[in-house]
Each structure stands twice: as structure tokens, then as C-alpha cells.
Amino acid sequence: MDKAIDQLDGNEREDFRSFTRNRKSFNRENLFICRSKSLMESYFRSIFNWLERCEKIFGFDLEGYESKRIYAFLAERYLSYWFQKYGKPLEWPIFFFDTNKNRVKIK
């Protein structure tokens, strides 16, 4: 994680490092809804520039589930950090309907 964080721009590097060390939750599966086109474009520029720099270090010839999933792992954590820093996030619970048991589970 530290190798990846070191690839961030200076103004994000220490804030994100602190976020990953002090926060225990994140937004799974990179799922978000954003009304602001400019905010969304700014996020995409930030995340993709960072991930491109990470690709030069980690590459794509990765073995094992955890290694192959590294870019999704980084993006999930960065999304939570970035929108909390630059947006006004409203978090909603995710509901799962278990069709085998016919009941709703809240996570």
C-alpha cells in the first residue's frame, strides 16, 4: 500500500496515507452516484493518473487473487477517501435479498 500511496501527488499523499491507517470502512465495488459532472471528472483524472503510475510499478503480470485485484483494491479505498475530502457524501446501506430464505439482509 505504501508503494502505491507514494505514487500520489504531494497534496494527496499524506492525507490518503492517514485515511488508510485510521479509517476502517470503505465503499465496496467502487459504487457511487454523483450529480456534479465537474466533481466526477476531477475524481476520474485523479484516480486514473494515480493508477497509471501504479501500473508502472506493479504491472499486470500478477499471480494470486489478491495481487490480480490490486487496482480494484486501491480504487475502492481511494474512492472513499477522495469523495469524503472533496464532496459531500451521503452513504446508504446496501440491501441483499436472499431468495433462498426470502428475507432482506442489511450490511
N, C-alpha and C. Protein backbone atom coordinates (compact mmCIF):
# COMPACT_ATOMS: atom_id res chain seq x y z
N MET A 1 0.82 -1.18 0.00
CA MET A 1 0.00 0.00 0.00
C MET A 1 0.88 1.26 0.00
N ASP A 2 1.93 1.23 0.79
CA ASP A 2 2.79 2.42 0.84
C ASP A 2 3.45 2.72 -0.50
N LYS A 3 3.83 1.69 -1.25
CA LYS A 3 4.41 1.92 -2.58
C LYS A 3 3.40 2.62 -3.48
N ALA A 4 2.16 2.21 -3.40
CA ALA A 4 1.11 2.83 -4.21
C ALA A 4 0.85 4.26 -3.74
N ILE A 5 0.74 4.45 -2.45
CA ILE A 5 0.47 5.80 -1.91
C ILE A 5 1.59 6.76 -2.29
N ASP A 6 2.82 6.28 -2.33
CA ASP A 6 3.94 7.13 -2.72
C ASP A 6 3.82 7.66 -4.14
N GLN A 7 2.96 7.05 -4.96
CA GLN A 7 2.77 7.49 -6.34
C GLN A 7 1.74 8.62 -6.47
N LEU A 8 1.07 8.94 -5.38
CA LEU A 8 0.08 10.02 -5.41
C LEU A 8 0.77 11.37 -5.47
N ASP A 9 0.03 12.37 -5.95
CA ASP A 9 0.53 13.74 -5.93
C ASP A 9 0.74 14.17 -4.48
N GLY A 10 1.65 15.07 -4.27
CA GLY A 10 2.02 15.51 -2.92
C GLY A 10 0.87 15.95 -2.05
N ASN A 11 -0.10 16.66 -2.63
CA ASN A 11 -1.21 17.17 -1.82
C ASN A 11 -2.17 16.07 -1.38
N GLU A 12 -2.08 14.89 -1.97
CA GLU A 12 -2.96 13.78 -1.59
C GLU A 12 -2.23 12.72 -0.76
N ARG A 13 -0.94 12.61 -0.95
CA ARG A 13 -0.16 11.50 -0.41
C ARG A 13 -0.35 11.29 1.10
N GLU A 14 -0.08 12.29 1.90
CA GLU A 14 -0.14 12.09 3.35
C GLU A 14 -1.58 12.02 3.87
N ASP A 15 -2.49 12.75 3.23
CA ASP A 15 -3.89 12.67 3.64
C ASP A 15 -4.44 11.26 3.40
N PHE A 16 -4.13 10.68 2.24
CA PHE A 16 -4.62 9.33 1.95
C PHE A 16 -3.94 8.29 2.83
N ARG A 17 -2.65 8.48 3.09
CA ARG A 17 -1.93 7.55 3.97
C ARG A 17 -2.59 7.55 5.36
N SER A 18 -2.90 8.72 5.86
CA SER A 18 -3.57 8.84 7.16
C SER A 18 -4.96 8.19 7.12
N PHE A 19 -5.68 8.42 6.04
CA PHE A 19 -7.01 7.83 5.88
C PHE A 19 -6.95 6.31 5.93
N THR A 20 -6.00 5.71 5.21
CA THR A 20 -5.92 4.25 5.17
C THR A 20 -5.49 3.67 6.51
N ARG A 21 -4.79 4.43 7.29
CA ARG A 21 -4.33 3.92 8.59
C ARG A 21 -5.34 4.14 9.71
N ASN A 22 -6.23 5.10 9.53
CA ASN A 22 -7.16 5.45 10.61
C ASN A 22 -8.61 5.10 10.36
N ARG A 23 -8.98 4.84 9.13
CA ARG A 23 -10.37 4.52 8.80
C ARG A 23 -10.50 3.02 8.57
N LYS A 24 -11.59 2.46 9.06
CA LYS A 24 -11.78 1.01 8.96
C LYS A 24 -12.84 0.62 7.93
N SER A 25 -13.48 1.57 7.30
CA SER A 25 -14.51 1.25 6.33
C SER A 25 -14.16 1.85 4.97
N PHE A 26 -14.82 1.33 3.95
CA PHE A 26 -14.62 1.85 2.60
C PHE A 26 -15.85 1.52 1.77
N ASN A 27 -15.97 2.14 0.62
CA ASN A 27 -17.10 1.92 -0.28
C ASN A 27 -16.76 0.76 -1.21
N ARG A 28 -17.45 -0.34 -0.99
CA ARG A 28 -17.19 -1.54 -1.78
C ARG A 28 -17.54 -1.36 -3.25
N GLU A 29 -16.80 -2.05 -4.08
CA GLU A 29 -17.10 -2.19 -5.50
C GLU A 29 -17.10 -0.88 -6.28
N ASN A 30 -16.45 0.14 -5.74
CA ASN A 30 -16.33 1.43 -6.43
C ASN A 30 -17.67 1.97 -6.90
N LEU A 31 -18.68 1.82 -6.10
CA LEU A 31 -20.03 2.24 -6.45
C LEU A 31 -20.31 3.64 -5.90
N PHE A 32 -20.69 4.55 -6.79
CA PHE A 32 -21.08 5.89 -6.35
C PHE A 32 -22.00 6.52 -7.38
N ILE A 33 -22.77 7.48 -6.90
CA ILE A 33 -23.64 8.29 -7.77
C ILE A 33 -23.24 9.73 -7.51
N CYS A 34 -23.00 10.48 -8.56
CA CYS A 34 -22.52 11.85 -8.42
C CYS A 34 -23.32 12.76 -9.34
N ARG A 35 -23.85 13.82 -8.78
CA ARG A 35 -24.63 14.78 -9.59
C ARG A 35 -23.76 15.80 -10.29
N SER A 36 -22.55 16.00 -9.81
CA SER A 36 -21.67 17.04 -10.34
C SER A 36 -20.73 16.47 -11.39
N LYS A 37 -20.90 16.90 -12.61
CA LYS A 37 -20.03 16.43 -13.69
C LYS A 37 -18.58 16.86 -13.43
N SER A 38 -18.38 18.07 -12.97
CA SER A 38 -17.01 18.55 -12.74
C SER A 38 -16.34 17.79 -11.59
N LEU A 39 -17.08 17.48 -10.52
CA LEU A 39 -16.52 16.71 -9.42
C LEU A 39 -16.15 15.30 -9.89
N MET A 40 -17.02 14.69 -10.67
CA MET A 40 -16.77 13.35 -11.18
C MET A 40 -15.56 13.35 -12.12
N GLU A 41 -15.46 14.32 -12.99
CA GLU A 41 -14.31 14.40 -13.90
C GLU A 41 -13.01 14.61 -13.12
N SER A 42 -13.07 15.41 -12.08
CA SER A 42 -11.90 15.64 -11.25
C SER A 42 -11.47 14.35 -10.55
N TYR A 43 -12.44 13.60 -10.05
CA TYR A 43 -12.14 12.31 -9.43
C TYR A 43 -11.50 11.36 -10.44
N PHE A 44 -12.08 11.25 -11.62
CA PHE A 44 -11.55 10.34 -12.64
C PHE A 44 -10.12 10.72 -13.04
N ARG A 45 -9.86 12.01 -13.19
CA ARG A 45 -8.49 12.44 -13.51
C ARG A 45 -7.53 12.01 -12.40
N SER A 46 -7.92 12.22 -11.17
CA SER A 46 -7.08 11.89 -10.03
C SER A 46 -6.82 10.39 -9.93
N ILE A 47 -7.87 9.59 -9.98
CA ILE A 47 -7.73 8.14 -9.80
C ILE A 47 -6.97 7.50 -10.96
N PHE A 48 -7.30 7.87 -12.19
CA PHE A 48 -6.65 7.21 -13.32
C PHE A 48 -5.20 7.63 -13.48
N ASN A 49 -4.88 8.88 -13.18
CA ASN A 49 -3.47 9.29 -13.20
C ASN A 49 -2.67 8.51 -12.17
N TRP A 50 -3.24 8.33 -10.98
CA TRP A 50 -2.56 7.58 -9.93
C TRP A 50 -2.41 6.11 -10.31
N LEU A 51 -3.49 5.50 -10.79
CA LEU A 51 -3.42 4.08 -11.15
C LEU A 51 -2.43 3.83 -12.29
N GLU A 52 -2.33 4.76 -13.23
CA GLU A 52 -1.34 4.61 -14.31
C GLU A 52 0.08 4.60 -13.75
N ARG A 53 0.35 5.45 -12.76
CA ARG A 53 1.67 5.45 -12.14
C ARG A 53 1.90 4.14 -11.39
N CYS A 54 0.86 3.62 -10.74
CA CYS A 54 0.97 2.33 -10.03
C CYS A 54 1.23 1.19 -11.00
N GLU A 55 0.64 1.25 -12.19
CA GLU A 55 0.84 0.20 -13.19
C GLU A 55 2.31 0.08 -13.57
N LYS A 56 3.02 1.19 -13.57
CA LYS A 56 4.45 1.15 -13.91
C LYS A 56 5.25 0.42 -12.84
N ILE A 57 4.76 0.40 -11.63
CA ILE A 57 5.46 -0.29 -10.54
C ILE A 57 5.01 -1.74 -10.42
N PHE A 58 3.70 -1.97 -10.41
CA PHE A 58 3.17 -3.31 -10.16
C PHE A 58 2.94 -4.12 -11.43
N GLY A 59 2.69 -3.45 -12.55
CA GLY A 59 2.46 -4.14 -13.81
C GLY A 59 1.16 -4.92 -13.82
N PHE A 60 1.07 -5.88 -14.76
CA PHE A 60 -0.14 -6.68 -14.91
C PHE A 60 0.13 -8.18 -14.83
N ASP A 61 1.37 -8.56 -14.78
CA ASP A 61 1.72 -9.98 -14.69
C ASP A 61 1.72 -10.40 -13.23
N LEU A 62 0.53 -10.48 -12.65
CA LEU A 62 0.36 -10.71 -11.22
C LEU A 62 -0.24 -12.08 -10.96
N GLU A 63 0.23 -12.72 -9.92
CA GLU A 63 -0.26 -14.05 -9.55
C GLU A 63 -1.07 -13.97 -8.26
N GLY A 64 -2.11 -14.78 -8.18
CA GLY A 64 -2.93 -14.83 -6.97
C GLY A 64 -4.05 -13.82 -7.00
N TYR A 65 -5.15 -14.16 -6.38
CA TYR A 65 -6.35 -13.31 -6.40
C TYR A 65 -6.06 -11.92 -5.84
N GLU A 66 -5.38 -11.86 -4.69
CA GLU A 66 -5.12 -10.57 -4.05
C GLU A 66 -4.27 -9.67 -4.94
N SER A 67 -3.27 -10.25 -5.57
CA SER A 67 -2.40 -9.45 -6.43
C SER A 67 -3.11 -9.00 -7.70
N LYS A 68 -3.87 -9.89 -8.30
CA LYS A 68 -4.59 -9.54 -9.53
C LYS A 68 -5.62 -8.45 -9.28
N ARG A 69 -6.12 -8.38 -8.07
CA ARG A 69 -7.17 -7.43 -7.73
C ARG A 69 -6.62 -6.12 -7.16
N ILE A 70 -5.32 -5.91 -7.23
CA ILE A 70 -4.69 -4.78 -6.57
C ILE A 70 -5.28 -3.43 -7.00
N TYR A 71 -5.57 -3.26 -8.29
CA TYR A 71 -6.05 -1.96 -8.76
C TYR A 71 -7.47 -1.68 -8.27
N ALA A 72 -8.31 -2.71 -8.21
CA ALA A 72 -9.65 -2.54 -7.64
C ALA A 72 -9.55 -2.24 -6.14
N PHE A 73 -8.67 -2.93 -5.45
CA PHE A 73 -8.44 -2.71 -4.02
C PHE A 73 -8.03 -1.26 -3.77
N LEU A 74 -7.07 -0.76 -4.52
CA LEU A 74 -6.62 0.62 -4.36
C LEU A 74 -7.74 1.60 -4.67
N ALA A 75 -8.45 1.36 -5.76
CA ALA A 75 -9.52 2.26 -6.18
C ALA A 75 -10.66 2.31 -5.16
N GLU A 76 -11.00 1.18 -4.56
CA GLU A 76 -12.07 1.16 -3.55
C GLU A 76 -11.72 2.05 -2.36
N ARG A 77 -10.50 1.98 -1.93
CA ARG A 77 -10.11 2.79 -0.79
C ARG A 77 -9.97 4.26 -1.17
N TYR A 78 -9.45 4.52 -2.35
CA TYR A 78 -9.27 5.90 -2.79
C TYR A 78 -10.61 6.59 -3.01
N LEU A 79 -11.58 5.88 -3.54
CA LEU A 79 -12.91 6.47 -3.76
C LEU A 79 -13.49 6.99 -2.45
N SER A 80 -13.42 6.18 -1.40
CA SER A 80 -13.94 6.59 -0.10
C SER A 80 -13.24 7.85 0.40
N TYR A 81 -11.92 7.83 0.31
CA TYR A 81 -11.11 8.98 0.75
C TYR A 81 -11.44 10.23 -0.07
N TRP A 82 -11.40 10.10 -1.37
CA TRP A 82 -11.50 11.27 -2.25
C TRP A 82 -12.84 11.97 -2.12
N PHE A 83 -13.93 11.19 -2.13
CA PHE A 83 -15.24 11.82 -2.04
C PHE A 83 -15.52 12.40 -0.66
N GLN A 84 -14.93 11.83 0.38
CA GLN A 84 -15.09 12.43 1.69
C GLN A 84 -14.31 13.73 1.80
N LYS A 85 -13.18 13.81 1.11
CA LYS A 85 -12.36 15.02 1.14
C LYS A 85 -12.94 16.13 0.26
N TYR A 86 -13.42 15.79 -0.92
CA TYR A 86 -13.81 16.80 -1.89
C TYR A 86 -15.32 16.92 -2.12
N GLY A 87 -16.09 15.97 -1.65
CA GLY A 87 -17.53 16.00 -1.87
C GLY A 87 -18.30 16.10 -0.58
N LYS A 88 -19.56 15.89 -0.68
CA LYS A 88 -20.45 15.84 0.48
C LYS A 88 -21.20 14.51 0.41
N PRO A 89 -20.51 13.44 0.78
CA PRO A 89 -21.11 12.11 0.57
C PRO A 89 -22.29 11.82 1.48
N LEU A 90 -23.22 11.12 0.93
CA LEU A 90 -24.36 10.59 1.66
C LEU A 90 -24.29 9.08 1.47
N GLU A 91 -24.07 8.37 2.55
CA GLU A 91 -23.91 6.92 2.45
C GLU A 91 -25.21 6.23 2.77
N TRP A 92 -25.57 5.26 1.92
CA TRP A 92 -26.77 4.47 2.09
C TRP A 92 -26.39 3.02 2.32
N PRO A 93 -27.17 2.30 3.10
CA PRO A 93 -26.86 0.87 3.29
C PRO A 93 -27.15 0.08 2.02
N ILE A 94 -26.52 -1.06 1.91
CA ILE A 94 -26.77 -1.97 0.81
C ILE A 94 -27.69 -3.07 1.33
N PHE A 95 -28.75 -3.35 0.60
CA PHE A 95 -29.68 -4.40 0.99
C PHE A 95 -29.49 -5.61 0.09
N PHE A 96 -29.46 -6.78 0.69
CA PHE A 96 -29.36 -8.03 -0.06
C PHE A 96 -30.63 -8.82 0.21
N PHE A 97 -31.23 -9.32 -0.85
CA PHE A 97 -32.40 -10.16 -0.69
C PHE A 97 -31.99 -11.59 -0.95
N ASP A 98 -32.06 -12.41 0.07
CA ASP A 98 -31.68 -13.82 -0.04
C ASP A 98 -32.89 -14.59 -0.55
N THR A 99 -32.87 -14.93 -1.83
CA THR A 99 -34.02 -15.61 -2.43
C THR A 99 -34.20 -17.02 -1.88
N ASN A 100 -33.15 -17.59 -1.31
CA ASN A 100 -33.27 -18.91 -0.71
C ASN A 100 -34.01 -18.87 0.63
N LYS A 101 -33.91 -17.77 1.31
CA LYS A 101 -34.53 -17.65 2.63
C LYS A 101 -35.67 -16.62 2.65
N ASN A 102 -35.84 -15.91 1.53
CA ASN A 102 -36.91 -14.91 1.39
C ASN A 102 -36.91 -13.90 2.51
N ARG A 103 -35.75 -13.30 2.74
CA ARG A 103 -35.66 -12.22 3.71
C ARG A 103 -34.56 -11.24 3.29
N VAL A 104 -34.67 -10.02 3.77
CA VAL A 104 -33.72 -8.97 3.44
C VAL A 104 -32.62 -8.95 4.50
N LYS A 105 -31.38 -8.86 4.04
CA LYS A 105 -30.23 -8.72 4.94
C LYS A 105 -29.64 -7.35 4.74
N ILE A 106 -29.37 -6.65 5.81
CA ILE A 106 -28.75 -5.32 5.74
C ILE A 106 -27.31 -5.44 6.18
N LYS A 107 -26.41 -4.93 5.35
CA LYS A 107 -24.98 -4.96 5.70
C LYS A 107 -24.47 -3.56 5.84
